[in-house]
């Protein structure tokens, strides 16, 4: 027998699989809810692509935010040096 076989581990495996299936269903429901909110935003004149960027930035931790801001500052310097619009 391999590790993880037997009656107790079968019950445990079934429980784990059932929980994952339930969570995947909930995740799909949440994704549908999120799509609905984006559709509502679009219907109210908001740009969904821009909203996705803002949501992503809002979820960033402080370290990622600091690195992003530093990168944006460098990009601004490059744009200025090349005469590109900011």
N, C-alpha and C. Protein backbone atom coordinates (compact mmCIF):
# COMPACT_ATOMS: atom_id res chain seq x y z
N UNK A 1 0.83 -1.19 0.00
CA UNK A 1 0.00 0.00 0.00
C UNK A 1 0.87 1.25 0.00
N UNK A 2 0.43 2.24 -0.72
CA UNK A 2 1.16 3.50 -0.71
C UNK A 2 0.64 4.37 0.41
N UNK A 3 1.43 5.34 0.78
CA UNK A 3 1.03 6.26 1.83
C UNK A 3 -0.25 6.97 1.43
N UNK A 4 -1.18 7.14 2.37
CA UNK A 4 -2.41 7.85 2.08
C UNK A 4 -3.53 6.92 1.61
N UNK A 5 -3.33 5.61 1.73
CA UNK A 5 -4.40 4.69 1.35
C UNK A 5 -5.00 4.10 2.61
N UNK A 6 -6.18 3.55 2.47
CA UNK A 6 -6.87 2.97 3.61
C UNK A 6 -8.17 3.70 3.86
N UNK A 7 -8.99 3.15 4.73
CA UNK A 7 -10.33 3.70 4.96
C UNK A 7 -10.30 5.14 5.45
N UNK A 8 -9.51 5.42 6.48
CA UNK A 8 -9.48 6.76 7.05
C UNK A 8 -8.99 7.78 6.03
N UNK A 9 -7.93 7.43 5.30
CA UNK A 9 -7.41 8.38 4.32
C UNK A 9 -8.36 8.53 3.15
N UNK A 10 -9.15 7.50 2.81
CA UNK A 10 -10.16 7.61 1.76
C UNK A 10 -11.22 8.63 2.17
N UNK A 11 -11.65 8.56 3.41
CA UNK A 11 -12.64 9.52 3.90
C UNK A 11 -12.05 10.93 3.92
N UNK A 12 -10.80 11.04 4.32
CA UNK A 12 -10.15 12.34 4.36
C UNK A 12 -9.99 12.89 2.94
N UNK A 13 -9.59 12.03 2.01
CA UNK A 13 -9.45 12.44 0.62
C UNK A 13 -10.78 12.91 0.06
N UNK A 14 -11.85 12.16 0.31
CA UNK A 14 -13.17 12.55 -0.16
C UNK A 14 -13.58 13.90 0.41
N UNK A 15 -13.29 14.12 1.69
CA UNK A 15 -13.62 15.38 2.34
C UNK A 15 -12.85 16.54 1.69
N UNK A 16 -11.58 16.32 1.43
CA UNK A 16 -10.75 17.36 0.82
C UNK A 16 -11.26 17.68 -0.58
N UNK A 17 -11.54 16.64 -1.37
CA UNK A 17 -12.03 16.86 -2.73
C UNK A 17 -13.37 17.59 -2.69
N UNK A 18 -14.27 17.18 -1.79
CA UNK A 18 -15.58 17.84 -1.69
C UNK A 18 -15.43 19.31 -1.32
N UNK A 19 -14.51 19.61 -0.40
CA UNK A 19 -14.29 21.01 -0.01
C UNK A 19 -13.74 21.82 -1.16
N UNK A 20 -12.80 21.24 -1.92
CA UNK A 20 -12.23 21.95 -3.06
C UNK A 20 -13.31 22.22 -4.10
N UNK A 21 -14.15 21.22 -4.38
CA UNK A 21 -15.23 21.40 -5.34
C UNK A 21 -16.15 22.52 -4.90
N UNK A 22 -16.52 22.54 -3.63
CA UNK A 22 -17.40 23.59 -3.10
C UNK A 22 -16.75 24.97 -3.25
N UNK A 23 -15.48 25.07 -2.91
CA UNK A 23 -14.77 26.34 -3.02
C UNK A 23 -14.65 26.80 -4.47
N UNK A 24 -14.40 25.85 -5.38
CA UNK A 24 -14.34 26.20 -6.81
C UNK A 24 -15.70 26.73 -7.29
N UNK A 25 -16.79 26.14 -6.82
CA UNK A 25 -18.13 26.63 -7.18
C UNK A 25 -18.34 28.04 -6.64
N UNK A 26 -17.93 28.27 -5.40
CA UNK A 26 -18.06 29.60 -4.81
C UNK A 26 -17.19 30.60 -5.56
N UNK A 27 -15.99 30.17 -5.98
CA UNK A 27 -15.10 31.05 -6.73
C UNK A 27 -15.75 31.44 -8.06
N UNK A 28 -16.40 30.48 -8.71
CA UNK A 28 -17.08 30.78 -9.98
C UNK A 28 -18.22 31.76 -9.76
N UNK A 29 -18.95 31.59 -8.66
CA UNK A 29 -20.04 32.53 -8.33
C UNK A 29 -19.48 33.92 -8.08
N UNK A 30 -18.38 34.02 -7.35
CA UNK A 30 -17.76 35.33 -7.08
C UNK A 30 -17.28 35.96 -8.38
N UNK A 31 -16.69 35.15 -9.27
CA UNK A 31 -16.22 35.69 -10.55
C UNK A 31 -17.40 36.24 -11.34
N UNK A 32 -18.53 35.55 -11.29
CA UNK A 32 -19.73 36.04 -11.98
C UNK A 32 -20.21 37.34 -11.35
N UNK A 33 -20.16 37.42 -10.02
CA UNK A 33 -20.55 38.65 -9.33
C UNK A 33 -19.64 39.81 -9.74
N UNK A 34 -18.35 39.54 -9.82
CA UNK A 34 -17.39 40.57 -10.20
C UNK A 34 -17.65 41.05 -11.62
N UNK A 35 -17.89 40.10 -12.53
CA UNK A 35 -18.23 40.49 -13.91
C UNK A 35 -19.47 41.38 -13.93
N UNK A 36 -20.43 41.06 -13.09
CA UNK A 36 -21.64 41.88 -13.01
C UNK A 36 -21.35 43.30 -12.55
N UNK A 37 -20.47 43.43 -11.59
CA UNK A 37 -20.11 44.77 -11.09
C UNK A 37 -19.38 45.55 -12.17
N UNK A 38 -18.48 44.89 -12.91
CA UNK A 38 -17.80 45.57 -14.01
C UNK A 38 -18.79 45.97 -15.10
N UNK A 39 -19.77 45.13 -15.38
CA UNK A 39 -20.79 45.47 -16.37
C UNK A 39 -21.60 46.68 -15.90
N UNK A 40 -21.92 46.70 -14.61
CA UNK A 40 -22.65 47.84 -14.04
C UNK A 40 -21.81 49.11 -14.17
N UNK A 41 -20.53 49.00 -13.85
CA UNK A 41 -19.64 50.17 -13.95
C UNK A 41 -19.58 50.67 -15.39
N UNK A 42 -19.45 49.73 -16.33
CA UNK A 42 -19.41 50.12 -17.74
C UNK A 42 -20.71 50.80 -18.15
N UNK A 43 -21.83 50.29 -17.67
CA UNK A 43 -23.12 50.90 -17.96
C UNK A 43 -23.26 52.30 -17.39
N UNK A 44 -22.48 52.58 -16.36
CA UNK A 44 -22.50 53.91 -15.75
C UNK A 44 -21.39 54.80 -16.28
N UNK A 45 -20.72 54.36 -17.36
CA UNK A 45 -19.74 55.21 -18.02
C UNK A 45 -18.31 55.04 -17.56
N UNK A 46 -18.03 54.06 -16.70
CA UNK A 46 -16.66 53.84 -16.25
C UNK A 46 -15.96 52.88 -17.20
N UNK A 47 -14.66 53.03 -17.34
CA UNK A 47 -13.85 52.18 -18.20
C UNK A 47 -13.42 50.95 -17.41
N UNK A 48 -13.91 49.75 -17.78
CA UNK A 48 -13.57 48.54 -17.03
C UNK A 48 -12.07 48.24 -17.00
N UNK A 49 -11.35 48.50 -18.10
CA UNK A 49 -9.90 48.24 -18.11
C UNK A 49 -9.18 49.12 -17.09
N UNK A 50 -9.59 50.39 -17.03
CA UNK A 50 -8.98 51.30 -16.06
C UNK A 50 -9.34 50.87 -14.64
N UNK A 51 -10.57 50.42 -14.45
CA UNK A 51 -10.98 49.95 -13.12
C UNK A 51 -10.15 48.75 -12.69
N UNK A 52 -9.86 47.85 -13.62
CA UNK A 52 -9.05 46.67 -13.29
C UNK A 52 -7.66 47.09 -12.81
N UNK A 53 -7.09 48.11 -13.44
CA UNK A 53 -5.77 48.61 -13.04
C UNK A 53 -5.86 49.18 -11.62
N UNK A 54 -6.89 49.99 -11.37
CA UNK A 54 -7.04 50.61 -10.05
C UNK A 54 -7.26 49.54 -8.98
N UNK A 55 -8.09 48.54 -9.26
CA UNK A 55 -8.34 47.47 -8.30
C UNK A 55 -7.05 46.71 -8.02
N UNK A 56 -6.29 46.40 -9.06
CA UNK A 56 -5.01 45.70 -8.88
C UNK A 56 -4.07 46.52 -8.01
N UNK A 57 -4.00 47.82 -8.28
CA UNK A 57 -3.12 48.68 -7.48
C UNK A 57 -3.58 48.76 -6.03
N UNK A 58 -4.89 48.81 -5.84
CA UNK A 58 -5.42 48.91 -4.48
C UNK A 58 -5.10 47.67 -3.66
N UNK A 59 -5.00 46.52 -4.34
CA UNK A 59 -4.72 45.26 -3.65
C UNK A 59 -3.23 45.06 -3.37
N UNK A 60 -2.36 45.86 -3.99
CA UNK A 60 -0.93 45.71 -3.79
C UNK A 60 -0.52 46.02 -2.36
N UNK A 61 0.48 45.31 -1.89
CA UNK A 61 1.02 45.65 -0.59
C UNK A 61 1.97 46.85 -0.74
N UNK A 62 2.42 47.37 0.37
CA UNK A 62 3.23 48.59 0.36
C UNK A 62 4.53 48.43 -0.43
N UNK A 63 5.18 47.26 -0.32
CA UNK A 63 6.44 47.04 -1.03
C UNK A 63 6.22 47.05 -2.53
N UNK A 64 5.20 46.37 -3.00
CA UNK A 64 4.90 46.36 -4.44
C UNK A 64 4.51 47.77 -4.90
N UNK A 65 3.76 48.47 -4.07
CA UNK A 65 3.34 49.83 -4.41
C UNK A 65 4.56 50.74 -4.55
N UNK A 66 5.51 50.61 -3.63
CA UNK A 66 6.73 51.43 -3.68
C UNK A 66 7.52 51.13 -4.95
N UNK A 67 7.67 49.84 -5.29
CA UNK A 67 8.40 49.47 -6.50
C UNK A 67 7.69 49.98 -7.75
N UNK A 68 6.36 49.91 -7.76
CA UNK A 68 5.60 50.40 -8.91
C UNK A 68 5.79 51.90 -9.07
N UNK A 69 5.74 52.64 -7.96
CA UNK A 69 5.92 54.09 -8.02
C UNK A 69 7.32 54.45 -8.51
N UNK A 70 8.34 53.70 -8.06
CA UNK A 70 9.70 53.95 -8.52
C UNK A 70 9.80 53.70 -10.03
N UNK A 71 9.19 52.62 -10.50
CA UNK A 71 9.20 52.30 -11.92
C UNK A 71 8.50 53.39 -12.72
N UNK A 72 7.37 53.88 -12.21
CA UNK A 72 6.63 54.95 -12.90
C UNK A 72 7.46 56.23 -12.97
N UNK A 73 8.23 56.53 -11.92
CA UNK A 73 9.10 57.71 -11.94
C UNK A 73 10.18 57.57 -13.00
N UNK A 74 10.76 56.39 -13.13
CA UNK A 74 11.78 56.16 -14.15
C UNK A 74 11.17 56.29 -15.54
N UNK A 75 9.98 55.73 -15.74
CA UNK A 75 9.30 55.84 -17.03
C UNK A 75 9.04 57.30 -17.37
N UNK A 76 8.65 58.09 -16.38
CA UNK A 76 8.42 59.51 -16.60
C UNK A 76 9.70 60.21 -17.04
N UNK A 77 10.82 59.88 -16.41
CA UNK A 77 12.10 60.46 -16.80
C UNK A 77 12.42 60.09 -18.24
N UNK A 78 12.25 58.81 -18.60
CA UNK A 78 12.52 58.37 -19.97
C UNK A 78 11.62 59.09 -20.97
N UNK A 79 10.35 59.20 -20.65
CA UNK A 79 9.42 59.89 -21.55
C UNK A 79 9.84 61.35 -21.74
N UNK A 80 10.22 61.99 -20.66
CA UNK A 80 10.65 63.39 -20.73
C UNK A 80 11.89 63.51 -21.60
N UNK A 81 12.86 62.63 -21.41
CA UNK A 81 14.10 62.68 -22.19
C UNK A 81 13.84 62.44 -23.66
N UNK A 82 12.82 61.65 -23.98
CA UNK A 82 12.52 61.34 -25.38
C UNK A 82 11.50 62.28 -25.99
N UNK A 83 11.00 63.23 -25.19
CA UNK A 83 10.02 64.18 -25.67
C UNK A 83 8.66 63.57 -25.91
N UNK A 84 8.36 62.48 -25.20
CA UNK A 84 7.06 61.82 -25.32
C UNK A 84 6.07 62.44 -24.34
N UNK A 85 4.81 62.37 -24.64
CA UNK A 85 3.81 62.93 -23.72
C UNK A 85 3.79 62.13 -22.41
N UNK A 86 3.52 62.84 -21.34
CA UNK A 86 3.44 62.20 -20.04
C UNK A 86 2.03 61.71 -19.87
